[in-house]
Protein backbone atom coordinates (compact mmCIF):
# COMPACT_ATOMS: atom_id res chain seq x y z
CA UNK A 1 67.15 -21.75 51.31
CA UNK A 2 64.38 -19.78 49.57
CA UNK A 3 65.44 -16.58 51.35
CA UNK A 4 69.08 -17.13 50.39
CA UNK A 5 68.14 -17.71 46.75
CA UNK A 6 66.02 -14.58 46.70
CA UNK A 7 68.88 -12.59 48.20
CA UNK A 8 71.28 -13.93 45.56
CA UNK A 9 68.92 -13.20 42.68
CA UNK A 10 68.18 -9.73 44.04
CA UNK A 11 71.90 -8.90 44.05
CA UNK A 12 72.08 -10.10 40.46
CA UNK A 13 69.21 -7.81 39.54
CA UNK A 14 66.93 -10.71 38.62
CA UNK A 15 64.41 -9.87 41.35
CA UNK A 16 63.78 -6.35 42.62
CA UNK A 17 61.34 -7.28 45.40
CA UNK A 18 60.47 -10.98 45.76
CA UNK A 19 57.51 -9.99 47.97
CA UNK A 20 56.06 -7.33 45.67
CA UNK A 21 52.73 -9.16 45.40
CA UNK A 22 52.24 -8.57 49.14
CA UNK A 23 52.85 -4.80 49.08
CA UNK A 24 49.76 -2.91 50.27
CA UNK A 25 51.20 0.59 49.90
CA UNK A 26 54.46 2.15 48.74
CA UNK A 27 54.92 5.91 49.04
CA UNK A 28 58.20 7.26 47.64
CA UNK A 29 57.23 10.92 47.82
CA UNK A 30 58.93 11.63 44.50
CA UNK A 31 56.38 14.11 43.13
CA UNK A 32 56.84 17.78 42.27
CA UNK A 33 57.94 20.22 44.98
CA UNK A 34 55.00 21.54 46.99
CA UNK A 35 52.68 19.20 45.13
CA UNK A 36 49.48 17.88 46.64
CA UNK A 37 46.60 15.74 45.36
CA UNK A 38 43.88 18.38 45.17
CA UNK A 39 44.46 20.15 41.83
CA UNK A 40 42.50 18.61 38.95
CA UNK A 41 43.35 19.36 35.34
CA UNK A 42 41.38 19.31 32.09
CA UNK A 43 43.40 17.50 29.44
CA UNK A 44 41.36 18.83 26.52
CA UNK A 45 42.52 21.75 24.40
CA UNK A 46 39.94 23.88 26.24
CA UNK A 47 41.98 23.56 29.44
CA UNK A 48 38.95 24.42 31.54
CA UNK A 49 39.43 25.31 35.18
CA UNK A 50 38.26 22.40 37.31
CA UNK A 51 37.03 23.40 40.77
CA UNK A 52 37.43 20.88 43.57
CA UNK A 53 34.75 20.78 46.24
CA UNK A 54 34.80 18.86 49.50
CA UNK A 55 37.85 16.64 49.90
CA UNK A 56 37.80 14.97 46.48
CA UNK A 57 41.21 13.43 45.96
CA UNK A 58 43.15 11.71 43.20
CA UNK A 59 45.89 9.14 42.96
CA UNK A 60 47.27 6.08 41.20
CA UNK A 61 44.38 3.63 41.70
CA UNK A 62 43.23 2.94 38.15
CA UNK A 63 41.23 0.55 35.94
CA UNK A 64 44.10 -0.63 33.77
CA UNK A 65 46.52 -3.54 34.07
CA UNK A 66 49.28 -2.38 36.45
CA UNK A 67 52.65 -1.65 34.94
CA UNK A 68 55.60 -1.02 37.26
CA UNK A 69 57.15 1.33 38.00
CA UNK A 70 53.95 3.36 38.04
CA UNK A 71 53.61 5.77 35.13
CA UNK A 72 50.95 8.45 34.72
CA UNK A 73 51.14 8.08 30.94
CA UNK A 74 50.70 4.29 31.08
CA UNK A 75 48.19 3.86 33.90
CA UNK A 76 46.80 7.29 34.73
CA UNK A 77 44.76 7.53 37.91
CA UNK A 78 41.35 8.20 39.40
CA UNK A 79 39.43 10.55 41.67
CA UNK A 80 37.76 9.43 44.87
CA UNK A 81 34.40 10.92 45.96
CA UNK A 82 33.27 10.10 49.50
CA UNK A 83 29.53 10.70 48.93
CA UNK A 84 29.23 13.47 51.53
CA UNK A 85 30.03 16.67 49.68
CA UNK A 86 32.72 15.77 47.17
CA UNK A 87 32.36 16.95 43.57
CA UNK A 88 34.15 18.68 40.70
CA UNK A 89 32.75 21.48 38.58
CA UNK A 90 33.70 23.20 35.34
CA UNK A 91 32.67 26.58 33.90
CA UNK A 92 29.43 26.81 31.95
CA UNK A 93 30.50 26.71 28.32
CA UNK A 94 29.01 26.19 24.86
CA UNK A 95 31.44 23.30 24.39
CA UNK A 96 29.03 21.18 26.45
CA UNK A 97 25.97 22.03 24.35
CA UNK A 98 25.36 19.10 21.98
CA UNK A 99 22.16 20.40 20.40
CA UNK A 100 20.55 17.53 18.51
CA UNK A 101 23.86 16.20 17.24
CA UNK A 102 26.12 13.30 18.07
CA UNK A 103 28.09 13.12 21.31
CA UNK A 104 29.94 10.75 23.63
CA UNK A 105 30.35 10.85 27.39
CA UNK A 106 32.45 8.07 28.86
CA UNK A 107 34.33 7.17 32.03
CA UNK A 108 35.41 4.31 34.24
CA UNK A 109 33.48 3.90 37.51
CA UNK A 110 34.15 1.88 40.68
CA UNK A 111 31.61 2.00 43.49
CA UNK A 112 30.20 -0.12 46.28
CA UNK A 113 27.10 2.02 46.82
CA UNK A 114 24.67 0.48 44.31
CA UNK A 115 21.55 0.62 46.48
CA UNK A 116 21.08 4.40 46.24
CA UNK A 117 20.92 6.94 43.43
CA UNK A 118 24.28 8.42 42.51
CA UNK A 119 25.30 11.27 40.24
CA UNK A 120 28.04 10.90 37.67
CA UNK A 121 27.44 14.25 35.94
CA UNK A 122 24.68 16.87 36.02
CA UNK A 123 24.23 20.05 33.96
CA UNK A 124 20.96 21.41 35.34
CA UNK A 125 20.47 24.64 37.28
CA UNK A 126 17.22 23.64 38.95
CA UNK A 127 15.88 20.17 39.51
CA UNK A 128 12.75 20.69 37.39
CA UNK A 129 14.54 21.62 34.16
CA UNK A 130 15.69 19.15 31.57
CA UNK A 131 19.26 19.80 30.33
CA UNK A 132 21.07 16.46 30.79
CA UNK A 133 22.78 14.25 33.31
CA UNK A 134 24.28 10.81 33.77
CA UNK A 135 23.36 8.86 36.91
CA UNK A 136 23.33 5.46 38.57
CA UNK A 137 19.85 4.52 39.78
CA UNK A 138 18.99 2.74 43.03
CA UNK A 139 19.15 -0.61 41.25
CA UNK A 140 22.79 0.04 40.28
CA UNK A 141 21.96 0.74 36.62
CA UNK A 142 23.50 3.65 34.67
CA UNK A 143 20.80 6.06 33.46
CA UNK A 144 20.83 9.05 31.11
CA UNK A 145 18.50 11.95 31.90
CA UNK A 146 17.19 14.61 29.49
CA UNK A 147 13.84 16.02 28.29
CA UNK A 148 12.58 12.46 27.86
CA UNK A 149 13.26 11.63 31.51
CA UNK A 150 15.41 8.73 32.65
CA UNK A 151 16.65 6.28 30.01
CA UNK A 152 18.10 3.37 31.91
CA UNK A 153 20.51 0.53 31.23
CA UNK A 154 19.14 -3.00 31.28
CA UNK A 155 22.08 -4.21 33.34
CA UNK A 156 23.29 -3.30 36.82
CA UNK A 157 26.90 -2.54 37.57
CA UNK A 158 29.00 -4.89 39.70
CA UNK A 159 30.10 -3.40 43.00
CA UNK A 160 33.77 -2.79 43.75
CA UNK A 161 34.70 -3.41 40.12
CA UNK A 162 36.06 -1.04 37.52
CA UNK A 163 33.52 -0.76 34.67
CA UNK A 164 33.72 1.38 31.56
CA UNK A 165 30.42 3.19 30.93
CA UNK A 166 29.50 5.37 27.96
CA UNK A 167 26.44 7.20 26.71
CA UNK A 168 26.49 7.93 22.99
CA UNK A 169 24.12 9.52 20.54
CA UNK A 170 24.65 8.51 16.93
CA UNK A 171 22.36 9.78 14.14
CA UNK A 172 19.41 10.36 16.46
CA UNK A 173 19.78 7.14 18.48
CA UNK A 174 20.84 7.22 22.12
CA UNK A 175 22.88 4.25 23.33
CA UNK A 176 24.35 3.25 26.69
CA UNK A 177 27.30 0.88 26.85
CA UNK A 178 28.74 -1.01 29.83
CA UNK A 179 32.07 -2.77 29.50
CA UNK A 180 31.72 -2.27 25.75
CA UNK A 181 28.33 -3.99 25.56
CA UNK A 182 25.24 -2.09 24.44
CA UNK A 183 22.68 -2.11 27.27
CA UNK A 184 20.21 0.53 26.02
CA UNK A 185 19.13 1.96 22.66
CA UNK A 186 16.26 4.27 21.66
CA UNK A 187 15.52 7.12 19.31
CA UNK A 188 16.51 10.48 20.82
CA UNK A 189 16.60 13.89 19.16
CA UNK A 190 16.30 16.03 22.28
CA UNK A 191 18.35 19.21 22.34
CA UNK A 192 21.11 18.52 24.85
CA UNK A 193 21.80 21.98 26.21
CA UNK A 194 23.25 22.37 29.71
CA UNK A 195 21.78 25.10 31.86
CA UNK A 196 24.87 25.25 34.02
CA UNK A 197 28.37 23.88 34.24
CA UNK A 198 29.19 20.20 34.10
CA UNK A 199 29.24 19.00 37.70
CA UNK A 200 30.90 15.65 38.40
CA UNK A 201 29.77 13.65 41.42
CA UNK A 202 26.82 15.79 42.59
CA UNK A 203 23.31 16.57 41.34
CA UNK A 204 21.88 20.06 41.02
CA UNK A 205 20.00 19.86 44.32
CA UNK A 206 23.09 18.73 46.25
CA UNK A 207 21.16 15.70 47.45
CA UNK A 208 22.56 12.91 45.28
CA UNK A 209 26.33 12.52 45.49
CA UNK A 210 28.60 9.85 44.07
CA UNK A 211 30.50 7.45 46.32
CA UNK A 212 33.48 5.78 44.75
CA UNK A 213 36.07 6.31 42.05
CA UNK A 214 35.89 7.84 38.57
CA UNK A 215 38.68 7.60 36.04
CA UNK A 216 39.20 9.01 32.55
CA UNK A 217 36.02 11.05 32.12
CA UNK A 218 35.82 12.30 28.54
CA UNK A 219 33.15 14.46 26.88
CA UNK A 220 33.19 14.58 23.08
CA UNK A 221 30.86 17.03 21.32
CA UNK A 222 29.98 16.13 17.72
CA UNK A 223 31.33 12.58 17.51
CA UNK A 224 29.83 9.21 18.41
CA UNK A 225 33.00 7.37 19.44
CA UNK A 226 31.19 4.05 19.87
CA UNK A 227 28.28 2.85 17.74
CA UNK A 228 28.45 -0.93 18.23
CA UNK A 229 30.01 -3.30 20.79
CA UNK A 230 33.67 -2.51 21.47
CA UNK A 231 36.61 -3.41 23.66
CA UNK A 232 36.93 -0.81 26.44
CA UNK A 233 40.11 1.29 26.42
CA UNK A 234 43.16 -0.39 27.95
CA UNK A 235 45.13 2.82 28.54
CA UNK A 236 44.35 6.40 29.59
CA UNK A 237 42.15 8.31 27.16
CA UNK A 238 43.50 11.12 24.99
CA UNK A 239 41.97 14.30 23.63
CA UNK A 240 40.62 13.08 20.28
CA UNK A 241 38.96 15.43 17.79
CA UNK A 242 35.98 17.29 19.32
CA UNK A 243 36.98 16.53 22.91
CA UNK A 244 35.29 19.13 25.09
CA UNK A 245 36.52 17.87 28.47
CA UNK A 246 39.05 15.26 29.59
CA UNK A 247 39.56 14.51 33.28
CA UNK A 248 42.35 11.99 33.68
CA UNK A 249 42.32 12.39 37.50
CA UNK A 250 46.09 11.73 37.50
CA UNK A 251 47.63 14.97 38.77
CA UNK A 252 48.42 13.65 42.25
CA UNK A 253 51.88 14.45 43.63
CA UNK A 254 51.81 11.92 46.50
CA UNK A 255 50.90 8.66 44.84
CA UNK A 256 51.02 4.99 45.73
CA UNK A 257 53.49 3.08 43.57
CA UNK A 258 51.52 -0.11 44.28
CA UNK A 259 48.55 1.54 42.46
CA UNK A 260 46.15 0.48 45.20
CA UNK A 261 45.45 3.68 47.14
CA UNK A 262 44.53 7.31 46.54
CA UNK A 263 45.88 9.64 49.21
CA UNK A 264 44.04 12.74 50.37
CA UNK A 265 46.58 15.47 51.17
CA UNK A 266 44.91 17.14 54.15
CA UNK A 267 45.79 20.79 54.85
CA UNK A 268 49.31 21.47 53.52
CA UNK A 269 50.69 17.92 53.46
CA UNK A 270 52.90 18.01 50.39
CA UNK A 271 56.07 16.96 48.60
CA UNK A 272 59.46 18.35 49.57
CA UNK A 273 62.29 18.01 47.08
CA UNK A 274 64.81 19.71 49.39
CA UNK A 275 64.78 17.10 52.19
CA UNK A 276 64.63 13.42 51.27
CA UNK A 277 66.33 10.10 51.95
CA UNK A 278 66.13 8.47 48.53
CA UNK A 279 64.73 9.34 45.14
CA UNK A 280 63.85 12.97 44.48
CA UNK A 281 61.54 13.92 47.34
CA UNK A 282 59.76 13.06 50.56
CA UNK A 283 56.42 13.77 52.22
CA UNK A 284 56.40 16.91 54.35
CA UNK A 285 54.11 17.57 57.35
CA UNK A 286 53.84 20.85 59.30
CA UNK A 287 53.04 19.42 62.74
CA UNK A 288 49.75 21.28 63.21
CA UNK A 289 47.25 20.34 60.49
CA UNK A 290 48.82 18.01 57.94
CA UNK A 291 48.20 14.33 57.29
CA UNK A 292 47.41 11.83 54.54
CA UNK A 293 44.16 9.90 54.47
CA UNK A 294 43.62 6.81 52.33
CA UNK A 295 40.54 6.04 50.27
CA UNK A 296 38.72 2.75 50.94
CA UNK A 297 38.99 0.71 47.72
CA UNK A 298 41.72 -1.65 48.87
CA UNK A 299 41.48 -1.37 52.64
CA UNK A 300 41.45 -5.18 52.89
CA UNK A 301 45.15 -4.83 52.08
CA UNK A 302 45.56 -3.43 55.59
CA UNK A 303 43.41 -6.08 57.26
CA UNK A 304 46.29 -8.26 58.36
CA UNK A 305 44.12 -10.94 59.94
CA UNK A 306 46.22 -13.29 62.06
CA UNK A 307 49.08 -13.18 59.57
CA UNK A 308 52.48 -11.58 59.32
CA UNK A 309 52.97 -7.96 58.30
CA UNK A 310 55.59 -5.22 58.01
CA UNK A 311 55.14 -1.46 58.34
CA UNK A 312 58.31 0.51 57.63
CA UNK A 313 59.49 3.97 56.66
CA UNK A 314 62.30 6.49 56.87
CA UNK A 315 61.54 9.44 59.16
CA UNK A 316 63.22 12.80 59.67
CA UNK A 317 61.58 14.90 62.41
CA UNK A 318 61.84 18.67 62.42
CA UNK A 319 60.42 19.09 65.93
CA UNK A 320 60.08 16.50 68.71
CA UNK A 321 58.89 16.65 72.30
CA UNK A 322 55.87 18.29 73.97
CA UNK A 323 53.31 15.82 72.63
CA UNK A 324 52.75 12.52 70.83
CA UNK A 325 53.34 12.63 67.08
CA UNK A 326 51.90 9.85 64.93
CA UNK A 327 53.65 8.41 61.91
CA UNK A 328 51.13 5.72 61.00
CA UNK A 329 47.70 5.14 62.51
CA UNK A 330 45.71 2.11 61.40
CA UNK A 331 42.83 2.45 63.86
CA UNK A 332 39.17 3.13 63.21
CA UNK A 333 38.92 4.97 66.55
CA UNK A 334 41.36 6.13 69.19
CA UNK A 335 40.89 2.92 71.18
CA UNK A 336 40.82 0.62 68.15
CA UNK A 337 42.89 -2.51 67.79
CA UNK A 338 44.84 -1.79 64.62
CA UNK A 339 48.61 -1.20 64.55
CA UNK A 340 49.93 2.33 64.98
CA UNK A 341 53.40 3.85 65.28
CA UNK A 342 54.10 7.12 67.05
CA UNK A 343 56.81 9.13 68.80
CA UNK A 344 56.08 10.39 72.32
CA UNK A 345 57.07 13.60 74.10
CA UNK A 346 60.37 11.98 75.13
CA UNK A 347 61.25 11.28 71.46
CA UNK A 348 60.77 7.55 71.99
CA UNK A 349 59.30 5.42 69.20
CA UNK A 350 56.29 3.40 70.35
CA UNK A 351 54.12 0.69 68.86
CA UNK A 352 50.42 0.80 69.72
CA UNK A 353 47.89 -2.00 69.18
CA UNK A 354 44.75 -3.26 70.88
CA UNK A 355 44.16 0.18 72.35
CA UNK A 356 47.43 0.37 74.29
CA UNK A 357 51.15 0.91 73.80
CA UNK A 358 52.69 -2.55 73.43
CA UNK A 359 56.32 -1.73 72.65
CA UNK A 360 58.39 1.21 73.88
CA UNK A 361 61.46 1.67 71.75
CA UNK A 362 64.45 3.98 71.77
CA UNK A 363 64.72 7.66 70.94
CA UNK A 364 65.23 9.31 67.57
CA UNK A 365 66.73 12.70 66.78
CA UNK A 366 65.66 15.74 64.79
CA UNK A 367 67.19 16.54 61.40
CA UNK A 368 68.29 12.90 61.06
CA UNK A 369 66.95 10.16 58.80
CA UNK A 370 66.06 7.02 60.77
CA UNK A 371 64.61 3.75 59.48
CA UNK A 372 61.71 2.43 61.57
CA UNK A 373 60.01 -0.93 61.05
CA UNK A 374 57.36 -2.97 62.87
CA UNK A 375 57.04 -6.64 61.93
CA UNK A 376 54.82 -9.46 63.12
CA UNK A 377 56.11 -12.97 62.50
CA UNK A 378 53.77 -15.62 63.81
CA UNK A 379 52.69 -14.17 67.15
CA UNK A 380 55.86 -12.16 67.75
CA UNK A 381 55.77 -8.46 66.94
CA UNK A 382 59.03 -6.51 67.02
CA UNK A 383 60.01 -2.87 66.60
CA UNK A 384 63.26 -2.11 64.79
CA UNK A 385 65.10 1.22 64.80
CA UNK A 386 67.98 1.54 62.34
CA UNK A 387 67.89 -2.23 61.84
CA UNK A 388 68.17 -3.18 65.52
CA UNK A 389 65.33 -4.47 67.65
CA UNK A 390 64.24 -1.80 70.10
CA UNK A 391 62.08 -2.59 73.11
CA UNK A 392 60.53 -5.92 74.02
CA UNK A 393 58.85 -8.47 71.77
CA UNK A 394 55.07 -8.20 71.87
CA UNK A 395 53.16 -11.49 71.83
CA UNK A 396 50.25 -10.73 69.52
CA UNK A 397 47.46 -13.14 68.54
CA UNK A 398 45.05 -10.40 67.43
CA UNK A 399 43.06 -10.99 64.26
CA UNK A 400 43.13 -7.62 62.49
CA UNK A 401 39.96 -7.47 60.40
CA UNK A 402 38.88 -4.91 57.79
CA UNK A 403 39.09 -1.31 58.98
CA UNK A 404 37.69 0.89 56.18
CA UNK A 405 38.56 4.37 57.46
CA UNK A 406 42.32 3.93 57.87
CA UNK A 407 45.29 4.07 57.67
CA UNK A 408 46.27 7.70 58.25
CA UNK A 409 49.83 8.92 57.67
CA UNK A 410 51.32 11.75 59.73
CA UNK A 411 48.59 12.01 62.34
CA UNK A 412 46.00 10.03 64.24
CA UNK A 413 43.41 11.63 62.00
CA UNK A 414 41.31 14.71 62.74
CA UNK A 415 42.05 14.31 66.45
CA UNK A 416 45.59 15.60 66.04
CA UNK A 417 48.98 14.29 67.21
CA UNK A 418 50.49 15.60 63.97
CA UNK A 419 53.92 14.64 62.70
CA UNK A 420 56.33 17.54 62.25
CA UNK A 421 58.92 16.69 59.66
CA UNK A 422 59.39 14.31 56.77
CA UNK A 423 58.56 10.70 55.85
CA UNK A 424 60.14 8.88 52.93
CA UNK A 425 59.73 5.42 51.40
CA UNK A 426 56.78 4.28 53.50
CA UNK A 427 55.95 0.66 52.70
CA UNK A 428 53.27 -1.66 54.10
CA UNK A 429 53.55 -5.39 53.39
CA UNK A 430 50.70 -7.76 54.25
CA UNK A 431 51.54 -11.42 54.85
CA UNK A 432 55.32 -11.04 55.17
CA UNK A 433 57.58 -10.24 58.12
CA UNK A 434 60.48 -8.73 56.20
CA UNK A 435 62.70 -8.44 59.29
CA UNK A 436 62.90 -10.82 62.25
CA UNK A 437 66.46 -10.18 63.48
CA UNK A 438 69.04 -7.42 63.22
CA UNK A 439 69.42 -6.17 59.63
CA UNK A 440 71.08 -3.45 57.61
CA UNK A 441 68.52 -0.74 56.75
CA UNK A 442 67.79 -0.33 53.04
CA UNK A 443 70.59 1.41 51.16
CA UNK A 444 68.40 2.53 48.27
CA UNK A 445 64.76 3.36 47.58
CA UNK A 446 62.36 0.45 47.91
CA UNK A 447 61.85 -1.29 44.54
CA UNK A 448 58.64 -0.77 42.60
CA UNK A 449 58.11 -4.28 41.26
CA UNK A 450 58.58 -7.97 41.78
CA UNK A 451 59.98 -10.80 39.67
């Protein structure tokens, strides 16, 4: 009865997706043609070139209350730094020299690594010089560094939580704020003069990196934006007067409409606006180097436990045969338990779990859009091709626990087995088996919101 009511209301337009709260990932691929997630932009009037180092990526995961459909203007995004070589750098410029005057540096941070020093920004050339920097110490407390040494917050951050942090100097007093609350204050008239560029996520010695997410980093030279307790921003920051640098981290072309994941576009994985099923584009993979990797903030969304789940997508292969080609790989290692979907050398769609192929489905064709779905309902896992069950039912009692390095889209990760072609409207739903019997494949793009 509930399902029938939902179906009726959906047709009336009252409900777009009654199971939206269960969506772990939704990739429409509707970005700009050729777009990837590796070009970072400065939103200030200086329009500084921002150099990406390592595999720093950006996407729709953000600190603000979600609004659907996802909008860059409303919710912005964030950058993910993996702590092993990721950072951003800007040119050395007088715009970052504060002298003895007022300034504000602010951002949102989200990290789980609070037991080790981490770098938010650093402007030094050598480790023994002063200049200035903003760090998180090994007690999880934000700390400003200049000629006076470390000046540290009285309060530690909370792990895996978005927190607005700001360091402000107002009329010769340095203040640190967390979540709008003042957590440090002391006289400070040091000349704040960078000796190099502003580097985000790495210290000068390349020994202290940042692990986690940063959103809406803004540097304002000459203005103390905050002087007393305040309510943190509830929307993306803008370039106010005296803004020297503004990194919104929201220039990703392949973004998650559920606002839960940032996708790293490895090699030339990109948007195609010439071949797509619905919307304005799809995700394109070259078959030799391309794939998408997810960042770990919400990986529990892919830990299905013993519950129901659905993994579905539209696929359009350019080349088949010769070797396995992965569409979705949820494993931590090649023999891991997590669900994976791939196409073998005979063009057959297969479902892999618990380290072995569990369902062998039918064949698909090149240059043709085909809907593929895998659903577990109770202990029964089924593979559907074009709305019809394909292959046998797999009896699955596996408890799929957290798997922080996956999923990967378009490959089985750095090992290979790359998809050659296009993927559109990829959706992962945790806790719901959307299809249990024959169904009509979706006739429009998946909806972006629930009731």
